[in-house]
Amino acid sequence: MSSIRRVVVTGLGAITPLGNTAPAYWEGLRTGASGAATITRFDPTKFKTRFACEVKGYEADNFFDRKEHRKMDLFTQFAVVAADEAIADSGLLESGVDKDRVGVIWGSGIGGLKSLQEECFQFERGDGTPRYSPFFIPRMIADSSSGNISIKNGFRGPNFVTTSACASSNDAIIAAFNNIRLGLADAVITGGSEAAITESGVGGFNALKAMSERNDDPASASRPYDKDRDGFVLGEGAGALVLEEYEHAKARGAKMYAELIGGGMSSDAYHITAPDPSGSGVVLVMKNALRDAGITTTDVDYINTHGTSTPLGDGAEIKAIEQVFGEHAEKLNISSTKSMTGHLLGGAGGIEAVACLLAMQNSLVPPTINLHTPDPEINQALNFTPNVAQPREVRVAMSNTFGFGGHNTSVIFRKL
């Protein structure tokens, strides 16, 4: 174990439904804002769900020249924008870093859904003659995100994308963590992005009966742990972290947000979409993360839960937390920031890791908003940080993400 290297976070970036930079995102979290509103990306009139948490005020021309962004799906644009912010925040490029030792490991559960949809719609409207854009495949494939970040910055280290539904970002973070601590890279840009607010994305999740249909009040639709929750709210955007080997960061005088000390993975092995109601896979993933981090349950101060606002998922996760943490569960702060951002699917772990790190930096736990009618099936002795942010020194934070297919991941950060 003496050869295992320490890993720290030296840069953050975010583009979210609450704000298009990490500081703007934090301001939205801090104040308990909701990012949900009527969909503007297409006419949702005939859809069961007509609202989502869209990124607002984003103009591609402000970040890319027109010829460049036409070659990228929106999820890749979000990835590059968030990564640019994180890289600038880290000061990595100004420090003469060896680019052969810098990687990009990104997460996306769906990839270029809009690009796929547009090309298929166009073909269907035609006479059967294939007139596909030469940019169609590069726009659609999920690894265009990590590829574009790498190409723009000349990073020649490990480069790939993880796809494990809503666990994708955390799986990317864990892969980046392992590449650094095993000596395969000195720094890795990691996180995740998604842009699935499209006709096929909304229609598909509606068909699964997974999304809220609270069209009369979108801002209150994402309500984790509330008795009246009726499904998740679709979000979009990206969250980025620069992970770096501790001595490497120290040698160049980098600021360090926190240390990444552990990552856990498991599978429910139960159902392709439904969570295991026993929570056994979630119990296992948190135990694995704690073991990897070399800490005990009483060391943890805050859990940013998966907490999507679905009737089955929320309860199973809380039961698992009670089983793992025992009496300490009531001393934790627990919150679901998806109550504000909606569910970014494969990008969720990215922005939620950023939320954990900013909670540490600001000694403030972001709230679970829209929690007005406690669910009697969920232990109300736990502190869900209801509706208003709570001051607390966060020394250790855990972030959980779980995906269709039974994929479970947890990451743990500690204050230096």
Protein backbone atom coordinates (compact mmCIF):
# COMPACT_ATOMS: atom_id res chain seq x y z
CA MET A 1 0.00 0.00 0.00
CA SER A 2 2.99 2.33 0.42
CA SER A 3 3.07 2.81 -3.37
CA ILE A 4 -0.50 4.08 -3.47
CA ARG A 5 -0.43 7.82 -4.10
CA ARG A 6 -2.73 10.45 -2.57
CA VAL A 7 -5.19 12.31 -4.82
CA VAL A 8 -6.50 15.85 -4.35
CA VAL A 9 -8.97 18.10 -6.15
CA THR A 10 -7.34 21.25 -7.57
CA GLY A 11 -10.00 22.59 -9.95
CA LEU A 12 -13.79 22.79 -10.28
CA GLY A 13 -16.12 23.66 -13.15
CA ALA A 14 -19.88 23.48 -13.66
CA ILE A 15 -22.63 24.40 -16.08
CA THR A 16 -26.01 23.60 -14.55
CA PRO A 17 -29.70 24.52 -14.45
CA LEU A 18 -28.85 26.78 -11.46
CA GLY A 19 -25.92 28.64 -12.99
CA ASN A 20 -23.32 28.38 -15.71
CA THR A 21 -20.17 28.49 -13.57
CA ALA A 22 -19.22 26.74 -10.34
CA PRO A 23 -19.73 29.92 -8.22
CA ALA A 24 -23.12 30.60 -9.85
CA TYR A 25 -24.11 26.97 -9.29
CA TRP A 26 -23.15 27.24 -5.62
CA GLU A 27 -25.23 30.40 -5.23
CA GLY A 28 -28.26 28.51 -6.54
CA LEU A 29 -27.61 25.61 -4.17
CA ARG A 30 -27.00 27.90 -1.22
CA THR A 31 -30.27 29.76 -1.71
CA GLY A 32 -32.37 26.68 -2.46
CA ALA A 33 -33.30 27.70 -6.00
CA SER A 34 -35.20 25.45 -8.39
CA GLY A 35 -33.96 25.01 -11.95
CA ALA A 36 -37.24 23.55 -13.22
CA ALA A 37 -39.43 25.34 -15.77
CA THR A 38 -41.43 24.64 -18.94
CA ILE A 39 -39.30 23.06 -21.66
CA THR A 40 -38.04 25.45 -24.33
CA ARG A 41 -35.88 23.08 -26.43
CA PHE A 42 -38.94 21.71 -28.26
CA ASP A 43 -42.74 22.02 -28.14
CA PRO A 44 -43.72 19.79 -25.19
CA THR A 45 -47.49 20.36 -25.48
CA LYS A 46 -48.38 16.74 -26.24
CA PHE A 47 -45.99 15.19 -23.73
CA LYS A 48 -47.00 13.84 -20.33
CA THR A 49 -44.17 15.86 -18.77
CA ARG A 50 -43.79 19.38 -20.16
CA PHE A 51 -41.02 20.73 -17.92
CA ALA A 52 -37.38 20.05 -17.13
CA CYS A 53 -34.29 21.63 -15.58
CA GLU A 54 -32.65 23.22 -18.61
CA VAL A 55 -29.36 25.12 -18.64
CA LYS A 56 -30.35 28.76 -19.07
CA GLY A 57 -28.70 31.57 -21.02
CA TYR A 58 -26.19 29.30 -22.73
CA GLU A 59 -24.97 30.46 -26.14
CA ALA A 60 -22.48 28.19 -27.89
CA ASP A 61 -21.06 31.16 -29.82
CA ASN A 62 -19.77 32.58 -26.52
CA PHE A 63 -17.47 29.57 -26.08
CA PHE A 64 -16.74 28.17 -29.56
CA ASP A 65 -16.51 29.47 -33.09
CA ARG A 66 -19.52 28.45 -35.13
CA LYS A 67 -17.70 25.95 -37.30
CA GLU A 68 -16.34 24.27 -34.18
CA HIS A 69 -19.55 23.87 -32.17
CA ARG A 70 -21.48 22.56 -35.18
CA LYS A 71 -19.29 19.46 -34.88
CA MET A 72 -20.29 18.89 -31.23
CA ASP A 73 -23.48 17.67 -29.64
CA LEU A 74 -24.70 19.81 -26.74
CA PHE A 75 -23.52 17.27 -24.15
CA THR A 76 -19.95 17.62 -25.51
CA GLN A 77 -20.19 21.40 -25.51
CA PHE A 78 -21.22 21.29 -21.85
CA ALA A 79 -18.30 18.94 -21.11
CA VAL A 80 -15.73 21.24 -22.72
CA VAL A 81 -17.15 24.37 -21.05
CA ALA A 82 -17.09 22.82 -17.56
CA ALA A 83 -13.65 21.30 -18.12
CA ASP A 84 -12.28 24.65 -19.31
CA GLU A 85 -13.46 26.27 -16.08
CA ALA A 86 -11.95 23.51 -13.93
CA ILE A 87 -8.63 23.58 -15.79
CA ALA A 88 -8.40 27.37 -15.48
CA ASP A 89 -9.33 27.13 -11.79
CA SER A 90 -6.53 24.60 -11.21
CA GLY A 91 -3.81 26.64 -12.94
CA LEU A 92 -2.64 23.39 -14.50
CA LEU A 93 -1.72 24.79 -17.91
CA GLU A 94 0.27 27.68 -16.41
CA SER A 95 2.50 25.37 -14.41
CA GLY A 96 4.39 23.64 -17.20
CA VAL A 97 2.68 20.32 -16.56
CA ASP A 98 3.82 17.26 -18.54
CA LYS A 99 0.83 16.76 -20.83
CA ASP A 100 1.81 13.14 -21.44
CA ARG A 101 0.88 12.60 -17.78
CA VAL A 102 -2.51 14.37 -17.86
CA GLY A 103 -5.60 12.34 -18.75
CA VAL A 104 -9.30 12.92 -19.38
CA ILE A 105 -11.79 10.38 -18.03
CA TRP A 106 -15.38 11.51 -18.47
CA GLY A 107 -18.86 10.11 -17.81
CA SER A 108 -22.03 10.23 -19.90
CA GLY A 109 -24.94 7.86 -19.72
CA ILE A 110 -26.54 8.69 -23.07
CA GLY A 111 -24.15 10.84 -25.11
CA GLY A 112 -25.32 12.65 -28.25
CA LEU A 113 -29.03 11.88 -28.12
CA LYS A 114 -30.04 15.10 -29.86
CA SER A 115 -27.64 14.43 -32.75
CA LEU A 116 -28.91 10.86 -33.13
CA GLN A 117 -32.52 12.02 -33.05
CA GLU A 118 -32.02 14.82 -35.58
CA GLU A 119 -30.27 12.61 -38.13
CA CYS A 120 -32.89 9.87 -37.82
CA PHE A 121 -35.75 12.36 -38.12
CA GLN A 122 -34.13 13.87 -41.20
CA PHE A 123 -33.67 10.48 -42.86
CA GLU A 124 -37.28 9.53 -42.12
CA ARG A 125 -38.53 12.76 -43.71
CA GLY A 126 -36.54 12.10 -46.90
CA ASP A 127 -36.99 9.74 -49.83
CA GLY A 128 -34.83 6.98 -48.41
CA THR A 129 -31.57 8.35 -49.78
CA PRO A 130 -29.01 8.45 -46.94
CA ARG A 131 -27.84 12.04 -46.53
CA TYR A 132 -26.19 11.87 -43.12
CA SER A 133 -23.88 14.57 -41.87
CA PRO A 134 -20.19 13.62 -41.79
CA PHE A 135 -20.26 14.92 -38.21
CA PHE A 136 -23.14 12.65 -37.16
CA ILE A 137 -21.11 9.81 -35.65
CA PRO A 138 -18.49 12.04 -33.93
CA ARG A 139 -21.32 14.16 -32.45
CA MET A 140 -23.26 11.14 -31.23
CA ILE A 141 -20.64 8.91 -29.59
CA ALA A 142 -20.15 9.43 -25.87
CA ASP A 143 -16.35 9.56 -26.03
CA SER A 144 -16.42 12.72 -28.13
CA SER A 145 -16.60 14.53 -24.78
CA SER A 146 -13.27 13.28 -23.42
CA GLY A 147 -11.76 13.40 -26.91
CA ASN A 148 -12.59 17.07 -27.41
CA ILE A 149 -11.30 18.07 -23.96
CA SER A 150 -8.06 16.21 -24.68
CA ILE A 151 -7.61 17.65 -28.19
CA LYS A 152 -8.25 21.24 -27.07
CA ASN A 153 -5.64 21.03 -24.30
CA GLY A 154 -3.14 18.58 -25.74
CA PHE A 155 -3.55 16.12 -22.86
CA ARG A 156 -2.07 12.77 -23.97
CA GLY A 157 -2.63 10.66 -20.85
CA PRO A 158 -5.41 8.08 -20.31
CA ASN A 159 -8.52 9.11 -22.23
CA PHE A 160 -11.91 7.38 -22.19
CA VAL A 161 -15.57 7.66 -21.20
CA THR A 162 -17.51 5.58 -18.70
CA THR A 163 -21.13 4.75 -19.44
CA SER A 164 -23.12 3.23 -16.60
CA ALA A 165 -26.39 5.19 -16.79
CA CYS A 166 -26.75 7.58 -13.85
CA ALA A 167 -23.61 6.22 -12.17
CA SER A 168 -21.41 7.25 -15.12
CA SER A 169 -19.79 10.35 -13.59
CA ASN A 170 -18.87 8.68 -10.32
CA ASP A 171 -17.44 5.72 -12.22
CA ALA A 172 -15.34 8.22 -14.21
CA ILE A 173 -14.17 9.90 -11.01
CA ILE A 174 -13.19 6.53 -9.51
CA ALA A 175 -11.35 5.53 -12.70
CA ALA A 176 -9.47 8.85 -12.66
CA PHE A 177 -8.69 8.36 -8.95
CA ASN A 178 -7.25 4.91 -9.60
CA ASN A 179 -5.18 6.01 -12.58
CA ILE A 180 -3.52 8.68 -10.44
CA ARG A 181 -2.98 6.68 -7.27
CA LEU A 182 -1.52 3.78 -9.25
CA GLY A 183 0.93 6.12 -10.96
CA LEU A 184 -0.54 6.01 -14.48
CA ALA A 185 -1.14 9.78 -14.55
CA ASP A 186 -0.26 12.87 -12.52
CA ALA A 187 -3.58 14.63 -13.15
CA VAL A 188 -6.91 13.74 -14.74
CA ILE A 189 -9.81 15.97 -15.78
CA THR A 190 -12.94 14.09 -14.84
CA GLY A 191 -16.67 14.49 -14.24
CA GLY A 192 -19.64 14.07 -16.54
CA SER A 193 -22.19 15.70 -18.79
CA GLU A 194 -25.60 15.06 -20.31
CA ALA A 195 -28.02 16.83 -22.65
CA ALA A 196 -31.04 14.54 -22.99
CA ILE A 197 -33.86 17.11 -22.86
CA THR A 198 -35.14 16.09 -26.29
CA GLU A 199 -38.35 14.62 -27.64
CA SER A 200 -36.92 11.11 -27.46
CA GLY A 201 -35.40 11.64 -24.02
CA VAL A 202 -38.54 13.01 -22.41
CA GLY A 203 -40.84 10.64 -24.31
CA GLY A 204 -38.71 7.63 -23.43
CA PHE A 205 -38.59 8.37 -19.71
CA ASN A 206 -42.31 9.14 -19.72
CA ALA A 207 -42.92 5.71 -21.24
CA LEU A 208 -41.01 4.21 -18.30
CA LYS A 209 -43.26 6.19 -15.93
CA ALA A 210 -40.08 7.46 -14.26
CA MET A 211 -40.62 11.23 -14.45
CA SER A 212 -42.79 13.62 -12.49
CA GLU A 213 -45.88 14.89 -14.31
CA ARG A 214 -46.46 17.86 -11.99
CA ASN A 215 -46.95 20.24 -14.91
CA ASP A 216 -48.94 22.77 -12.88
CA ASP A 217 -45.95 23.51 -10.61
CA PRO A 218 -42.58 22.51 -12.11
CA ALA A 219 -40.52 24.28 -9.46
CA SER A 220 -41.86 21.96 -6.75
CA ALA A 221 -41.87 18.77 -8.84
CA SER A 222 -38.52 17.38 -7.70
CA ARG A 223 -39.25 16.52 -4.07
CA PRO A 224 -36.99 13.77 -2.72
CA TYR A 225 -38.25 12.12 0.49
CA ASP A 226 -41.56 13.98 0.32
CA LYS A 227 -44.71 11.84 0.64
CA ASP A 228 -46.11 13.28 -2.61
CA ARG A 229 -43.09 12.68 -4.86
CA ASP A 230 -44.05 11.25 -8.24
CA GLY A 231 -40.83 10.82 -10.19
CA PHE A 232 -37.64 12.59 -11.18
CA VAL A 233 -37.21 15.82 -13.16
CA LEU A 234 -34.84 15.67 -16.12
CA GLY A 235 -31.83 17.98 -15.97
CA GLU A 236 -28.81 18.76 -18.15
CA GLY A 237 -25.34 20.25 -17.88
CA ALA A 238 -21.89 19.19 -16.70
CA GLY A 239 -19.64 19.07 -13.66
CA ALA A 240 -15.84 18.87 -13.88
CA LEU A 241 -13.01 18.21 -11.42
CA VAL A 242 -9.26 18.33 -11.83
CA LEU A 243 -7.85 15.44 -9.81
CA GLU A 244 -4.13 15.56 -9.12
CA GLU A 245 -1.50 13.58 -7.27
CA TYR A 246 -0.88 15.30 -3.93
CA GLU A 247 2.88 15.81 -4.21
CA HIS A 248 2.51 16.99 -7.82
CA ALA A 249 -0.07 19.60 -6.75
CA LYS A 250 2.01 20.61 -3.73
CA ALA A 251 5.16 21.07 -5.83
CA ARG A 252 3.45 23.55 -8.12
CA GLY A 253 1.75 25.42 -5.28
CA ALA A 254 -1.77 24.51 -6.36
CA LYS A 255 -4.75 25.24 -4.15
CA MET A 256 -6.43 22.04 -2.97
CA TYR A 257 -10.18 21.85 -2.35
CA ALA A 258 -10.04 18.44 -0.64
CA GLU A 259 -8.60 14.97 -0.88
CA LEU A 260 -10.44 12.18 -2.67
CA ILE A 261 -9.94 9.29 -0.28
CA GLY A 262 -12.21 6.48 -1.46
CA GLY A 263 -14.49 5.07 -4.10
CA GLY A 264 -16.88 2.13 -4.00
CA MET A 265 -18.76 0.22 -6.70
CA SER A 266 -21.39 -2.51 -6.61
CA SER A 267 -24.33 -3.94 -8.51
CA ASP A 268 -27.88 -4.61 -7.38
CA ALA A 269 -28.08 -7.66 -9.69
CA TYR A 270 -31.84 -7.22 -9.41
CA HIS A 271 -33.69 -5.42 -12.26
CA ILE A 272 -32.80 -3.39 -15.35
CA THR A 273 -34.58 -0.22 -14.13
CA ALA A 274 -35.98 -0.74 -10.61
CA PRO A 275 -33.78 -0.48 -7.53
CA ASP A 276 -33.55 -3.44 -5.19
CA PRO A 277 -36.10 -2.48 -2.48
CA SER A 278 -33.92 -4.14 0.16
CA GLY A 279 -31.13 -1.67 -0.60
CA SER A 280 -28.52 -4.45 -0.39
CA GLY A 281 -26.49 -3.14 -3.35
CA VAL A 282 -26.48 0.35 -1.86
CA VAL A 283 -25.35 -1.02 1.50
CA LEU A 284 -22.51 -2.80 -0.26
CA VAL A 285 -21.35 0.21 -2.27
CA MET A 286 -21.16 2.49 0.77
CA LYS A 287 -19.31 -0.15 2.78
CA ASN A 288 -16.90 -0.60 -0.12
CA ALA A 289 -16.27 3.16 -0.31
CA LEU A 290 -15.70 3.46 3.45
CA ARG A 291 -13.31 0.51 3.38
CA ASP A 292 -11.39 1.97 0.44
CA ALA A 293 -11.16 5.33 2.23
CA GLY A 294 -9.93 3.69 5.43
CA ILE A 295 -12.47 5.52 7.59
CA THR A 296 -15.39 4.61 9.82
CA THR A 297 -19.03 5.63 9.55
CA THR A 298 -18.63 8.19 12.37
CA ASP A 299 -16.10 10.13 10.29
CA VAL A 300 -18.75 11.10 7.70
CA ASP A 301 -20.55 14.43 8.12
CA TYR A 302 -22.58 14.77 4.93
CA ILE A 303 -24.07 12.48 2.29
CA ASN A 304 -25.19 13.92 -1.03
CA THR A 305 -27.68 11.20 -1.84
CA HIS A 306 -28.79 9.84 -5.19
CA GLY A 307 -32.27 11.00 -4.08
CA THR A 308 -34.01 11.29 -7.44
CA SER A 309 -37.56 11.83 -6.09
CA THR A 310 -38.88 8.45 -7.23
CA PRO A 311 -41.27 6.55 -4.94
CA LEU A 312 -39.10 3.41 -4.76
CA GLY A 313 -35.55 4.70 -4.99
CA ASP A 314 -35.55 7.28 -2.20
CA GLY A 315 -36.76 4.89 0.47
CA ALA A 316 -34.36 2.11 -0.49
CA GLU A 317 -31.35 4.44 -0.26
CA ILE A 318 -32.37 5.78 3.15
CA LYS A 319 -32.88 2.26 4.52
CA ALA A 320 -29.39 1.42 3.29
CA ILE A 321 -27.91 4.52 4.97
CA GLU A 322 -29.58 3.52 8.25
CA GLN A 323 -28.21 0.00 7.95
CA VAL A 324 -24.64 1.13 7.22
CA PHE A 325 -24.41 4.11 9.56
CA GLY A 326 -26.52 2.86 12.47
CA GLU A 327 -26.94 5.45 15.24
CA HIS A 328 -24.64 7.86 13.41
CA ALA A 329 -27.24 8.16 10.61
CA GLU A 330 -29.19 10.64 12.77
CA LYS A 331 -26.06 12.78 13.21
CA LEU A 332 -25.44 13.12 9.48
CA ASN A 333 -26.61 15.87 7.19
CA ILE A 334 -28.30 14.28 4.19
CA SER A 335 -29.50 16.18 1.16
CA SER A 336 -30.49 15.63 -2.44
CA THR A 337 -29.38 18.52 -4.63
CA LYS A 338 -31.45 16.94 -7.42
CA SER A 339 -34.37 18.69 -5.74
CA MET A 340 -32.88 21.85 -7.29
CA THR A 341 -30.97 20.73 -10.39
CA GLY A 342 -33.14 17.86 -11.50
CA HIS A 343 -31.47 14.61 -12.51
CA LEU A 344 -28.52 14.99 -14.90
CA LEU A 345 -28.42 11.23 -15.49
CA GLY A 346 -24.80 10.41 -16.42
CA GLY A 347 -23.76 13.95 -15.48
CA ALA A 348 -25.25 13.82 -11.97
CA GLY A 349 -22.15 12.60 -10.17
CA GLY A 350 -20.08 15.41 -11.67
CA ILE A 351 -22.17 18.30 -10.39
CA GLU A 352 -22.88 16.53 -7.10
CA ALA A 353 -19.16 16.04 -6.41
CA VAL A 354 -18.76 19.78 -7.02
CA ALA A 355 -21.62 20.41 -4.57
CA CYS A 356 -19.86 18.31 -1.89
CA LEU A 357 -16.57 20.14 -2.37
CA LEU A 358 -18.18 23.58 -2.21
CA ALA A 359 -20.15 22.52 0.88
CA MET A 360 -16.79 21.70 2.49
CA GLN A 361 -15.26 24.97 1.39
CA ASN A 362 -18.19 27.06 2.63
CA SER A 363 -19.09 25.02 5.75
CA LEU A 364 -22.67 24.94 4.53
CA VAL A 365 -24.82 21.94 3.54
CA PRO A 366 -27.13 22.62 0.57
CA PRO A 367 -30.78 21.77 1.21
CA THR A 368 -33.32 19.27 -0.04
CA ILE A 369 -35.99 21.67 -1.26
CA ASN A 370 -39.71 20.90 -1.69
CA LEU A 371 -39.72 18.67 1.39
CA HIS A 372 -43.05 19.73 2.89
CA THR A 373 -44.99 16.53 3.63
CA PRO A 374 -42.72 13.97 5.31
CA ASP A 375 -43.10 10.42 4.05
CA PRO A 376 -44.14 8.22 7.00
CA GLU A 377 -42.29 5.31 5.34
CA ILE A 378 -38.98 7.20 5.67
CA ASN A 379 -37.37 7.75 9.07
CA GLN A 380 -37.98 11.40 9.90
CA ALA A 381 -35.39 11.34 12.69
CA LEU A 382 -32.79 11.76 9.96
CA ASN A 383 -31.69 15.27 8.99
CA PHE A 384 -32.61 15.71 5.32
CA THR A 385 -31.56 19.40 5.44
CA PRO A 386 -35.13 20.37 4.56
CA ASN A 387 -35.74 23.45 2.41
CA VAL A 388 -32.97 25.67 3.85
CA ALA A 389 -29.17 25.24 3.80
CA GLN A 390 -27.61 24.42 7.19
CA PRO A 391 -24.24 25.65 8.52
CA ARG A 392 -21.92 22.76 9.33
CA GLU A 393 -18.24 22.03 9.11
CA VAL A 394 -18.05 19.26 6.53
CA ARG A 395 -14.83 17.35 7.07
CA VAL A 396 -15.87 14.22 5.15
CA ALA A 397 -18.53 14.04 2.45
CA MET A 398 -19.91 11.04 0.56
CA SER A 399 -21.64 11.30 -2.82
CA ASN A 400 -23.89 8.46 -4.04
CA THR A 401 -25.03 7.79 -7.59
CA PHE A 402 -27.01 4.79 -8.85
CA GLY A 403 -27.97 3.88 -12.41
CA PHE A 404 -30.41 1.76 -14.42
CA GLY A 405 -28.94 -1.71 -14.68
CA GLY A 406 -28.24 -1.75 -10.95
CA HIS A 407 -24.97 0.23 -11.12
CA ASN A 408 -24.03 1.78 -7.75
CA THR A 409 -21.09 4.10 -7.00
CA SER A 410 -19.99 6.15 -3.99
CA VAL A 411 -17.08 8.57 -3.69
CA ILE A 412 -15.70 10.10 -0.49
CA PHE A 413 -13.88 13.42 -0.08
CA ARG A 414 -12.02 14.65 3.01
CA LYS A 415 -10.86 18.11 4.01
CA LEU A 416 -7.10 18.42 3.98
